[in-house]
Amino acid sequence: MTDKKPTHTPKDSHYANLRRAYREQNADKSGPAPSVPARKAARPGKPTPADRVRLYGIHTVEAALANPARVLHRLYCTRNALNRLEIEEGNPPCPLEIVEPRFLDSELGSEAVHQGAMLETDPLAVRRLADLGETDLVLVLDQVTDPHNVGAILRSAVAFGAGAVVTTSRHSPQESGVLAKSASGALELVPYIQITNLAEALVEIAERGFQTIGLDSDGGVELETAFTTKRLALVLGSEGKGLRQKTRETVDMLARLEVPGAIRSLNVSNAAAVGLYAARRFMA
């Protein structure tokens, strides 16, 4: 197995574009920018496997390397991937090991689209609702369990300038290579906040001035007519069951995405993207 010839150049860096877009979308938000801690050194000693996550894929690894909040341990790269990441072999951001693609295949499994790059790192620090800051738009997930869907939702959150994705610590994916790969760098750019009790979190979010709107196919109003404030929290339910009853009772209102086709419901990640678009149109 060999890598394809790299086509990546500095001017079309996926991560640079993400960072630039995110800064532009949030440039006019009030309040100080959140502080970013200085890069920490890797912890001494051999950690247990639970202490680390393995991130893979060019965009995912590129974003993690650029995140000063990341604790980096070791980067495994093919030479082609190293070129695509624009890293000098003699001056890597963390310990580097040049490997063949088959090594990554054996470490990550044949289903992982690693593109010749894998990074061992600590999980990101736990985030709290206090980290919402002055953001005007958040997504709340009610037991969305598929890491591919959550990763796609994180990407949409960054694209539309949402300030956080809030989910439960149980019945939702933890940080992992699959989640990070699906997010394609977005995990580094938007807080992924995990809480214990969703109903209590929704009450706190409402107390912070957000209108909480649950997206439900049986909602009494169309989403576009539901917005009443310019600080919005969109709440989406699980892939199969939708919003739980307690969640439905806790949000300010239930609204539906009006779709004219024969299929009346959308995949949760698609619904999140449409909801974010509608919210941004209202807030513009």
C-alpha atoms as a PDB file:
ATOM      1  CA  MET A   1       0.000   0.000   0.000  1.00  0.00           C
ATOM      2  CA  THR A   2       1.349   3.445  -0.868  1.00  0.00           C
ATOM      3  CA  ASP A   3       0.109   6.963  -0.324  1.00  0.00           C
ATOM      4  CA  LYS A   4      -1.197   8.961  -3.220  1.00  0.00           C
ATOM      5  CA  LYS A   5       0.897  11.872  -4.324  1.00  0.00           C
ATOM      6  CA  PRO A   6       0.123  14.775  -1.990  1.00  0.00           C
ATOM      7  CA  THR A   7      -1.765  17.695  -3.427  1.00  0.00           C
ATOM      8  CA  HIS A   8      -2.003  19.792  -0.263  1.00  0.00           C
ATOM      9  CA  THR A   9      -0.484  23.261  -0.367  1.00  0.00           C
ATOM     10  CA  PRO A  10      -0.337  25.979   2.301  1.00  0.00           C
ATOM     11  CA  LYS A  11      -2.870  28.224   0.577  1.00  0.00           C
ATOM     12  CA  ASP A  12      -5.592  25.551   0.562  1.00  0.00           C
ATOM     13  CA  SER A  13      -5.039  24.303   4.117  1.00  0.00           C
ATOM     14  CA  HIS A  14      -8.367  22.906   5.334  1.00  0.00           C
ATOM     15  CA  TYR A  15      -7.611  23.817   8.930  1.00  0.00           C
ATOM     16  CA  ALA A  16      -6.495  27.344   8.069  1.00  0.00           C
ATOM     17  CA  ASN A  17      -9.772  27.868   6.229  1.00  0.00           C
ATOM     18  CA  LEU A  18     -11.747  26.555   9.214  1.00  0.00           C
ATOM     19  CA  ARG A  19      -9.921  28.851  11.616  1.00  0.00           C
ATOM     20  CA  ARG A  20     -10.362  31.864   9.341  1.00  0.00           C
ATOM     21  CA  ALA A  21     -14.074  31.232   8.850  1.00  0.00           C
ATOM     22  CA  TYR A  22     -14.663  30.700  12.554  1.00  0.00           C
ATOM     23  CA  ARG A  23     -12.855  33.933  13.466  1.00  0.00           C
ATOM     24  CA  GLU A  24     -14.878  35.893  10.903  1.00  0.00           C
ATOM     25  CA  GLN A  25     -18.186  34.472  12.111  1.00  0.00           C
ATOM     26  CA  ASN A  26     -17.411  35.330  15.726  1.00  0.00           C
ATOM     27  CA  ALA A  27     -15.620  38.636  15.216  1.00  0.00           C
ATOM     28  CA  ASP A  28     -18.672  40.744  16.098  1.00  0.00           C
ATOM     29  CA  LYS A  29     -19.699  38.861  19.223  1.00  0.00           C
ATOM     30  CA  SER A  30     -19.553  40.804  22.463  1.00  0.00           C
ATOM     31  CA  GLY A  31     -17.440  39.857  25.428  1.00  0.00           C
ATOM     32  CA  PRO A  32     -13.778  38.932  25.656  1.00  0.00           C
ATOM     33  CA  ALA A  33     -12.443  36.048  23.632  1.00  0.00           C
ATOM     34  CA  PRO A  34     -12.002  32.862  25.653  1.00  0.00           C
ATOM     35  CA  SER A  35      -8.501  32.334  26.925  1.00  0.00           C
ATOM     36  CA  VAL A  36      -6.525  29.411  25.557  1.00  0.00           C
ATOM     37  CA  PRO A  37      -4.084  27.705  27.898  1.00  0.00           C
ATOM     38  CA  ALA A  38      -0.485  27.332  26.873  1.00  0.00           C
ATOM     39  CA  ARG A  39       0.557  24.020  25.382  1.00  0.00           C
ATOM     40  CA  LYS A  40       1.292  21.502  28.104  1.00  0.00           C
ATOM     41  CA  ALA A  41       4.078  19.001  27.980  1.00  0.00           C
ATOM     42  CA  ALA A  42       3.236  15.324  27.807  1.00  0.00           C
ATOM     43  CA  ARG A  43       2.916  13.707  31.205  1.00  0.00           C
ATOM     44  CA  PRO A  44       5.853  11.601  32.370  1.00  0.00           C
ATOM     45  CA  GLY A  45       5.523   7.873  32.726  1.00  0.00           C
ATOM     46  CA  LYS A  46       3.566   5.347  30.715  1.00  0.00           C
ATOM     47  CA  PRO A  47      -0.177   6.130  30.878  1.00  0.00           C
ATOM     48  CA  THR A  48      -2.929   3.573  30.728  1.00  0.00           C
ATOM     49  CA  PRO A  49      -4.693   3.291  27.363  1.00  0.00           C
ATOM     50  CA  ALA A  50      -7.667   5.239  28.754  1.00  0.00           C
ATOM     51  CA  ASP A  51      -5.409   8.244  29.248  1.00  0.00           C
ATOM     52  CA  ARG A  52      -5.035   8.841  25.522  1.00  0.00           C
ATOM     53  CA  VAL A  53      -7.021   9.065  22.329  1.00  0.00           C
ATOM     54  CA  ARG A  54      -5.800   8.284  18.853  1.00  0.00           C
ATOM     55  CA  LEU A  55      -6.748  10.853  16.257  1.00  0.00           C
ATOM     56  CA  TYR A  56      -6.288  10.125  12.580  1.00  0.00           C
ATOM     57  CA  GLY A  57      -6.770  11.701   9.190  1.00  0.00           C
ATOM     58  CA  ILE A  58      -4.940  14.699   7.738  1.00  0.00           C
ATOM     59  CA  HIS A  59      -7.481  17.396   8.638  1.00  0.00           C
ATOM     60  CA  THR A  60      -8.116  15.968  12.107  1.00  0.00           C
ATOM     61  CA  VAL A  61      -4.433  15.665  12.989  1.00  0.00           C
ATOM     62  CA  GLU A  62      -3.640  19.064  11.475  1.00  0.00           C
ATOM     63  CA  ALA A  63      -6.300  20.735  13.627  1.00  0.00           C
ATOM     64  CA  ALA A  64      -5.210  18.932  16.802  1.00  0.00           C
ATOM     65  CA  LEU A  65      -1.557  19.884  16.276  1.00  0.00           C
ATOM     66  CA  ALA A  66      -2.579  23.517  15.908  1.00  0.00           C
ATOM     67  CA  ASN A  67      -4.667  23.498  19.095  1.00  0.00           C
ATOM     68  CA  PRO A  68      -2.558  24.803  22.003  1.00  0.00           C
ATOM     69  CA  ALA A  69      -4.957  23.188  24.482  1.00  0.00           C
ATOM     70  CA  ARG A  70      -3.917  19.728  23.270  1.00  0.00           C
ATOM     71  CA  VAL A  71      -1.432  17.604  25.224  1.00  0.00           C
ATOM     72  CA  LEU A  72       0.504  15.817  22.486  1.00  0.00           C
ATOM     73  CA  HIS A  73       2.303  12.504  22.952  1.00  0.00           C
ATOM     74  CA  ARG A  74       3.403  11.042  19.621  1.00  0.00           C
ATOM     75  CA  LEU A  75       2.778  11.575  15.934  1.00  0.00           C
ATOM     76  CA  TYR A  76       2.903   8.632  13.527  1.00  0.00           C
ATOM     77  CA  CYS A  77       3.152   9.625   9.869  1.00  0.00           C
ATOM     78  CA  THR A  78       4.061   8.315   6.474  1.00  0.00           C
ATOM     79  CA  ARG A  79       6.445  10.604   4.635  1.00  0.00           C
ATOM     80  CA  ASN A  80       3.722  11.680   2.235  1.00  0.00           C
ATOM     81  CA  ALA A  81       1.413  12.574   5.125  1.00  0.00           C
ATOM     82  CA  LEU A  82       4.231  14.504   6.791  1.00  0.00           C
ATOM     83  CA  ASN A  83       4.572  16.559   3.614  1.00  0.00           C
ATOM     84  CA  ARG A  84       0.835  17.178   3.497  1.00  0.00           C
ATOM     85  CA  LEU A  85       0.946  18.364   7.103  1.00  0.00           C
ATOM     86  CA  GLU A  86       3.874  20.648   6.162  1.00  0.00           C
ATOM     87  CA  ILE A  87       5.935  19.431   9.099  1.00  0.00           C
ATOM     88  CA  GLU A  88       9.714  19.339   8.990  1.00  0.00           C
ATOM     89  CA  GLU A  89      10.979  15.942  10.050  1.00  0.00           C
ATOM     90  CA  GLY A  90      13.767  17.553  12.058  1.00  0.00           C
ATOM     91  CA  ASN A  91      11.438  19.954  13.885  1.00  0.00           C
ATOM     92  CA  PRO A  92       8.167  18.166  14.731  1.00  0.00           C
ATOM     93  CA  PRO A  93       5.660  19.587  17.252  1.00  0.00           C
ATOM     94  CA  CYS A  94       5.936  16.388  19.332  1.00  0.00           C
ATOM     95  CA  PRO A  95       7.840  13.085  19.184  1.00  0.00           C
ATOM     96  CA  LEU A  96       7.561  11.777  15.634  1.00  0.00           C
ATOM     97  CA  GLU A  97       7.760   8.288  14.175  1.00  0.00           C
ATOM     98  CA  ILE A  98       7.874   7.736  10.416  1.00  0.00           C
ATOM     99  CA  VAL A  99       5.840   4.634   9.558  1.00  0.00           C
ATOM    100  CA  GLU A 100       4.429   2.704   6.615  1.00  0.00           C
ATOM    101  CA  PRO A 101       0.679   2.749   5.903  1.00  0.00           C
ATOM    102  CA  ARG A 102       0.362  -0.891   6.906  1.00  0.00           C
ATOM    103  CA  PHE A 103       1.472  -0.001  10.452  1.00  0.00           C
ATOM    104  CA  LEU A 104      -1.446   2.421  10.777  1.00  0.00           C
ATOM    105  CA  ASP A 105      -3.788  -0.124   9.229  1.00  0.00           C
ATOM    106  CA  SER A 106      -2.813  -2.622  11.916  1.00  0.00           C
ATOM    107  CA  GLU A 107      -3.093  -0.081  14.731  1.00  0.00           C
ATOM    108  CA  LEU A 108      -6.376   1.527  13.696  1.00  0.00           C
ATOM    109  CA  GLY A 109      -8.118  -1.198  11.739  1.00  0.00           C
ATOM    110  CA  SER A 110      -8.825  -1.484   8.066  1.00  0.00           C
ATOM    111  CA  GLU A 111     -11.975   0.681   8.276  1.00  0.00           C
ATOM    112  CA  ALA A 112     -10.130   3.788   9.504  1.00  0.00           C
ATOM    113  CA  VAL A 113      -9.386   6.288   6.743  1.00  0.00           C
ATOM    114  CA  HIS A 114      -6.166   7.495   8.340  1.00  0.00           C
ATOM    115  CA  GLN A 115      -4.537   9.092   5.242  1.00  0.00           C
ATOM    116  CA  GLY A 116      -1.143   8.203   6.659  1.00  0.00           C
ATOM    117  CA  ALA A 117      -1.389  10.176   9.920  1.00  0.00           C
ATOM    118  CA  MET A 118      -2.166   9.262  13.530  1.00  0.00           C
ATOM    119  CA  LEU A 119      -1.690  11.367  16.649  1.00  0.00           C
ATOM    120  CA  GLU A 120      -1.670  10.117  20.232  1.00  0.00           C
ATOM    121  CA  THR A 121      -2.955  12.818  22.556  1.00  0.00           C
ATOM    122  CA  ASP A 122      -4.780  13.385  25.810  1.00  0.00           C
ATOM    123  CA  PRO A 123      -8.514  14.029  25.524  1.00  0.00           C
ATOM    124  CA  LEU A 124      -9.465  17.678  25.621  1.00  0.00           C
ATOM    125  CA  ALA A 125     -10.212  19.157  29.022  1.00  0.00           C
ATOM    126  CA  VAL A 126     -13.769  18.775  30.328  1.00  0.00           C
ATOM    127  CA  ARG A 127     -15.929  21.766  29.420  1.00  0.00           C
ATOM    128  CA  ARG A 128     -18.851  23.175  31.437  1.00  0.00           C
ATOM    129  CA  LEU A 129     -21.868  25.348  30.716  1.00  0.00           C
ATOM    130  CA  ALA A 130     -19.883  28.220  32.178  1.00  0.00           C
ATOM    131  CA  ASP A 131     -17.782  27.995  29.017  1.00  0.00           C
ATOM    132  CA  LEU A 132     -20.713  29.216  26.912  1.00  0.00           C
ATOM    133  CA  GLY A 133     -19.515  32.771  27.472  1.00  0.00           C
ATOM    134  CA  GLU A 134     -21.208  35.358  25.280  1.00  0.00           C
ATOM    135  CA  THR A 135     -22.170  33.080  22.426  1.00  0.00           C
ATOM    136  CA  ASP A 136     -25.610  33.574  20.892  1.00  0.00           C
ATOM    137  CA  LEU A 137     -26.199  30.118  19.405  1.00  0.00           C
ATOM    138  CA  VAL A 138     -25.747  26.601  20.805  1.00  0.00           C
ATOM    139  CA  LEU A 139     -26.808  23.088  19.915  1.00  0.00           C
ATOM    140  CA  VAL A 140     -28.087  20.656  22.539  1.00  0.00           C
ATOM    141  CA  LEU A 141     -28.194  16.911  21.808  1.00  0.00           C
ATOM    142  CA  ASP A 142     -30.561  14.569  23.605  1.00  0.00           C
ATOM    143  CA  GLN A 143     -28.816  11.170  23.595  1.00  0.00           C
ATOM    144  CA  VAL A 144     -27.483  11.325  20.039  1.00  0.00           C
ATOM    145  CA  THR A 145     -25.232   8.280  20.144  1.00  0.00           C
ATOM    146  CA  ASP A 146     -23.688   7.879  16.677  1.00  0.00           C
ATOM    147  CA  PRO A 147     -20.192   9.449  16.638  1.00  0.00           C
ATOM    148  CA  HIS A 148     -20.445  10.015  12.881  1.00  0.00           C
ATOM    149  CA  ASN A 149     -23.592  12.094  13.373  1.00  0.00           C
ATOM    150  CA  VAL A 150     -22.118  14.009  16.304  1.00  0.00           C
ATOM    151  CA  GLY A 151     -18.949  14.678  14.320  1.00  0.00           C
ATOM    152  CA  ALA A 152     -21.001  16.039  11.424  1.00  0.00           C
ATOM    153  CA  ILE A 153     -22.970  18.195  13.876  1.00  0.00           C
ATOM    154  CA  LEU A 154     -19.723  19.622  15.259  1.00  0.00           C
ATOM    155  CA  ARG A 155     -18.688  20.556  11.717  1.00  0.00           C
ATOM    156  CA  SER A 156     -21.992  22.346  11.129  1.00  0.00           C
ATOM    157  CA  ALA A 157     -21.672  24.103  14.501  1.00  0.00           C
ATOM    158  CA  VAL A 158     -18.329  25.557  13.441  1.00  0.00           C
ATOM    159  CA  ALA A 159     -19.584  26.431   9.968  1.00  0.00           C
ATOM    160  CA  PHE A 160     -22.493  28.475  11.388  1.00  0.00           C
ATOM    161  CA  GLY A 161     -20.561  29.975  14.299  1.00  0.00           C
ATOM    162  CA  ALA A 162     -22.325  28.134  17.126  1.00  0.00           C
ATOM    163  CA  GLY A 163     -20.589  28.589  20.452  1.00  0.00           C
ATOM    164  CA  ALA A 164     -20.947  25.041  21.798  1.00  0.00           C
ATOM    165  CA  VAL A 165     -22.439  21.606  21.339  1.00  0.00           C
ATOM    166  CA  VAL A 166     -23.971  20.392  24.608  1.00  0.00           C
ATOM    167  CA  THR A 167     -24.721  16.726  25.208  1.00  0.00           C
ATOM    168  CA  THR A 168     -25.142  14.212  28.005  1.00  0.00           C
ATOM    169  CA  SER A 169     -22.135  12.394  29.441  1.00  0.00           C
ATOM    170  CA  ARG A 170     -24.066   9.122  29.116  1.00  0.00           C
ATOM    171  CA  HIS A 171     -25.663   7.862  25.902  1.00  0.00           C
ATOM    172  CA  SER A 172     -23.455  10.080  23.760  1.00  0.00           C
ATOM    173  CA  PRO A 173     -20.050   9.496  22.188  1.00  0.00           C
ATOM    174  CA  GLN A 174     -16.895  10.334  24.100  1.00  0.00           C
ATOM    175  CA  GLU A 175     -13.924  11.860  22.349  1.00  0.00           C
ATOM    176  CA  SER A 176     -12.493   9.278  19.966  1.00  0.00           C
ATOM    177  CA  GLY A 177     -10.761   8.889  16.645  1.00  0.00           C
ATOM    178  CA  VAL A 178     -14.081   8.194  14.897  1.00  0.00           C
ATOM    179  CA  LEU A 179     -15.748  11.275  16.384  1.00  0.00           C
ATOM    180  CA  ALA A 180     -12.785  13.521  15.614  1.00  0.00           C
ATOM    181  CA  LYS A 181     -12.418  12.183  12.055  1.00  0.00           C
ATOM    182  CA  SER A 182     -16.118  12.774  11.382  1.00  0.00           C
ATOM    183  CA  ALA A 183     -15.747  16.309  12.747  1.00  0.00           C
ATOM    184  CA  SER A 184     -12.784  16.920  10.403  1.00  0.00           C
ATOM    185  CA  GLY A 185     -11.071  19.368  12.758  1.00  0.00           C
ATOM    186  CA  ALA A 186     -14.191  20.929  14.275  1.00  0.00           C
ATOM    187  CA  LEU A 187     -13.664  19.183  17.627  1.00  0.00           C
ATOM    188  CA  GLU A 188     -10.750  21.562  18.191  1.00  0.00           C
ATOM    189  CA  LEU A 189     -12.792  24.654  17.364  1.00  0.00           C
ATOM    190  CA  VAL A 190     -16.069  24.413  19.289  1.00  0.00           C
ATOM    191  CA  PRO A 191     -16.567  23.341  22.927  1.00  0.00           C
ATOM    192  CA  TYR A 192     -18.067  19.861  23.237  1.00  0.00           C
ATOM    193  CA  ILE A 193     -19.797  20.177  26.617  1.00  0.00           C
ATOM    194  CA  GLN A 194     -21.002  17.022  28.362  1.00  0.00           C
ATOM    195  CA  ILE A 195     -23.408  17.365  31.275  1.00  0.00           C
ATOM    196  CA  THR A 196     -25.102  14.901  33.638  1.00  0.00           C
ATOM    197  CA  ASN A 197     -28.754  15.956  33.601  1.00  0.00           C
ATOM    198  CA  LEU A 198     -30.111  17.391  30.367  1.00  0.00           C
ATOM    199  CA  ALA A 199     -33.312  18.846  31.819  1.00  0.00           C
ATOM    200  CA  GLU A 200     -31.350  20.749  34.478  1.00  0.00           C
ATOM    201  CA  ALA A 201     -28.893  21.931  31.825  1.00  0.00           C
ATOM    202  CA  LEU A 202     -31.743  23.237  29.679  1.00  0.00           C
ATOM    203  CA  VAL A 203     -33.072  25.208  32.637  1.00  0.00           C
ATOM    204  CA  GLU A 204     -29.619  26.714  33.197  1.00  0.00           C
ATOM    205  CA  ILE A 205     -29.250  27.506  29.503  1.00  0.00           C
ATOM    206  CA  ALA A 206     -32.636  29.261  29.570  1.00  0.00           C
ATOM    207  CA  GLU A 207     -31.568  31.213  32.664  1.00  0.00           C
ATOM    208  CA  ARG A 208     -28.578  32.413  30.649  1.00  0.00           C
ATOM    209  CA  GLY A 209     -30.978  34.099  28.244  1.00  0.00           C
ATOM    210  CA  PHE A 210     -31.374  31.452  25.550  1.00  0.00           C
ATOM    211  CA  GLN A 211     -34.660  30.522  23.967  1.00  0.00           C
ATOM    212  CA  THR A 212     -34.651  26.705  23.979  1.00  0.00           C
ATOM    213  CA  ILE A 213     -36.369  25.173  20.956  1.00  0.00           C
ATOM    214  CA  GLY A 214     -36.785  21.439  20.503  1.00  0.00           C
ATOM    215  CA  LEU A 215     -36.821  20.227  16.914  1.00  0.00           C
ATOM    216  CA  ASP A 216     -39.615  17.697  16.521  1.00  0.00           C
ATOM    217  CA  SER A 217     -41.515  16.514  13.457  1.00  0.00           C
ATOM    218  CA  ASP A 218     -44.761  17.009  15.399  1.00  0.00           C
ATOM    219  CA  GLY A 219     -43.872  20.503  16.601  1.00  0.00           C
ATOM    220  CA  GLY A 220     -46.762  22.920  16.595  1.00  0.00           C
ATOM    221  CA  VAL A 221     -45.033  25.660  14.604  1.00  0.00           C
ATOM    222  CA  GLU A 222     -42.528  25.883  11.779  1.00  0.00           C
ATOM    223  CA  LEU A 223     -39.005  26.533  13.010  1.00  0.00           C
ATOM    224  CA  GLU A 224     -38.643  29.780  11.062  1.00  0.00           C
ATOM    225  CA  THR A 225     -41.610  31.277  12.952  1.00  0.00           C
ATOM    226  CA  ALA A 226     -40.537  30.016  16.380  1.00  0.00           C
ATOM    227  CA  PHE A 227     -37.616  32.366  17.020  1.00  0.00           C
ATOM    228  CA  THR A 228     -38.342  35.219  19.418  1.00  0.00           C
ATOM    229  CA  THR A 229     -34.875  36.165  20.708  1.00  0.00           C
ATOM    230  CA  LYS A 230     -31.409  36.416  19.228  1.00  0.00           C
ATOM    231  CA  ARG A 231     -29.907  33.997  21.714  1.00  0.00           C
ATOM    232  CA  LEU A 232     -30.960  30.530  20.640  1.00  0.00           C
ATOM    233  CA  ALA A 233     -30.450  26.936  21.770  1.00  0.00           C
ATOM    234  CA  LEU A 234     -31.621  24.299  19.307  1.00  0.00           C
ATOM    235  CA  VAL A 235     -32.329  20.904  20.882  1.00  0.00           C
ATOM    236  CA  LEU A 236     -32.203  17.727  18.787  1.00  0.00           C
ATOM    237  CA  GLY A 237     -33.166  14.195  19.749  1.00  0.00           C
ATOM    238  CA  SER A 238     -31.667  10.781  19.158  1.00  0.00           C
ATOM    239  CA  GLU A 239     -31.553   9.111  15.764  1.00  0.00           C
ATOM    240  CA  GLY A 240     -34.399   6.720  16.528  1.00  0.00           C
ATOM    241  CA  LYS A 241     -36.582   8.022  19.347  1.00  0.00           C
ATOM    242  CA  GLY A 242     -36.216  11.763  18.947  1.00  0.00           C
ATOM    243  CA  LEU A 243     -36.591  14.002  21.986  1.00  0.00           C
ATOM    244  CA  ARG A 244     -37.354  12.322  25.291  1.00  0.00           C
ATOM    245  CA  GLN A 245     -40.567  13.288  27.071  1.00  0.00           C
ATOM    246  CA  LYS A 246     -38.746  15.159  29.853  1.00  0.00           C
ATOM    247  CA  THR A 247     -36.825  17.161  27.251  1.00  0.00           C
ATOM    248  CA  ARG A 248     -40.040  17.968  25.383  1.00  0.00           C
ATOM    249  CA  GLU A 249     -41.543  19.257  28.621  1.00  0.00           C
ATOM    250  CA  THR A 250     -38.491  21.351  29.529  1.00  0.00           C
ATOM    251  CA  VAL A 251     -37.792  23.298  26.317  1.00  0.00           C
ATOM    252  CA  ASP A 252     -39.565  26.593  25.723  1.00  0.00           C
ATOM    253  CA  MET A 253     -41.320  25.231  22.653  1.00  0.00           C
ATOM    254  CA  LEU A 254     -41.323  22.515  20.024  1.00  0.00           C
ATOM    255  CA  ALA A 255     -40.900  23.409  16.367  1.00  0.00           C
ATOM    256  CA  ARG A 256     -40.731  21.415  13.168  1.00  0.00           C
ATOM    257  CA  LEU A 257     -38.687  21.632  10.021  1.00  0.00           C
ATOM    258  CA  GLU A 258     -41.270  21.920   7.262  1.00  0.00           C
ATOM    259  CA  VAL A 259     -40.331  19.476   4.491  1.00  0.00           C
ATOM    260  CA  PRO A 260     -42.493  18.994   1.384  1.00  0.00           C
ATOM    261  CA  GLY A 261     -41.198  15.596   0.305  1.00  0.00           C
ATOM    262  CA  ALA A 262     -42.461  12.078   0.948  1.00  0.00           C
ATOM    263  CA  ILE A 263     -39.859  11.519   3.695  1.00  0.00           C
ATOM    264  CA  ARG A 264     -40.926  13.633   6.659  1.00  0.00           C
ATOM    265  CA  SER A 265     -37.845  13.411   8.849  1.00  0.00           C
ATOM    266  CA  LEU A 266     -34.152  14.147   8.373  1.00  0.00           C
ATOM    267  CA  ASN A 267     -31.026  12.551   9.731  1.00  0.00           C
ATOM    268  CA  VAL A 268     -30.157  14.375  12.957  1.00  0.00           C
ATOM    269  CA  SER A 269     -26.959  15.865  11.537  1.00  0.00           C
ATOM    270  CA  ASN A 270     -28.840  17.196   8.504  1.00  0.00           C
ATOM    271  CA  ALA A 271     -31.569  18.593  10.747  1.00  0.00           C
ATOM    272  CA  ALA A 272     -28.920  20.341  12.826  1.00  0.00           C
ATOM    273  CA  ALA A 273     -27.421  21.988   9.744  1.00  0.00           C
ATOM    274  CA  VAL A 274     -30.825  23.176   8.490  1.00  0.00           C
ATOM    275  CA  GLY A 275     -31.755  24.434  11.954  1.00  0.00           C
ATOM    276  CA  LEU A 276     -28.493  26.336  12.314  1.00  0.00           C
ATOM    277  CA  TYR A 277     -28.981  27.919   8.904  1.00  0.00           C
ATOM    278  CA  ALA A 278     -32.501  29.053   9.799  1.00  0.00           C
ATOM    279  CA  ALA A 279     -31.304  30.435  13.143  1.00  0.00           C
ATOM    280  CA  ARG A 280     -28.485  32.400  11.537  1.00  0.00           C
ATOM    281  CA  ARG A 281     -30.872  33.819   8.936  1.00  0.00           C
ATOM    282  CA  PHE A 282     -33.137  35.056  11.742  1.00  0.00           C
ATOM    283  CA  MET A 283     -30.238  36.503  13.727  1.00  0.00           C
ATOM    284  CA  ALA A 284     -28.652  38.282  10.782  1.00  0.00           C
END
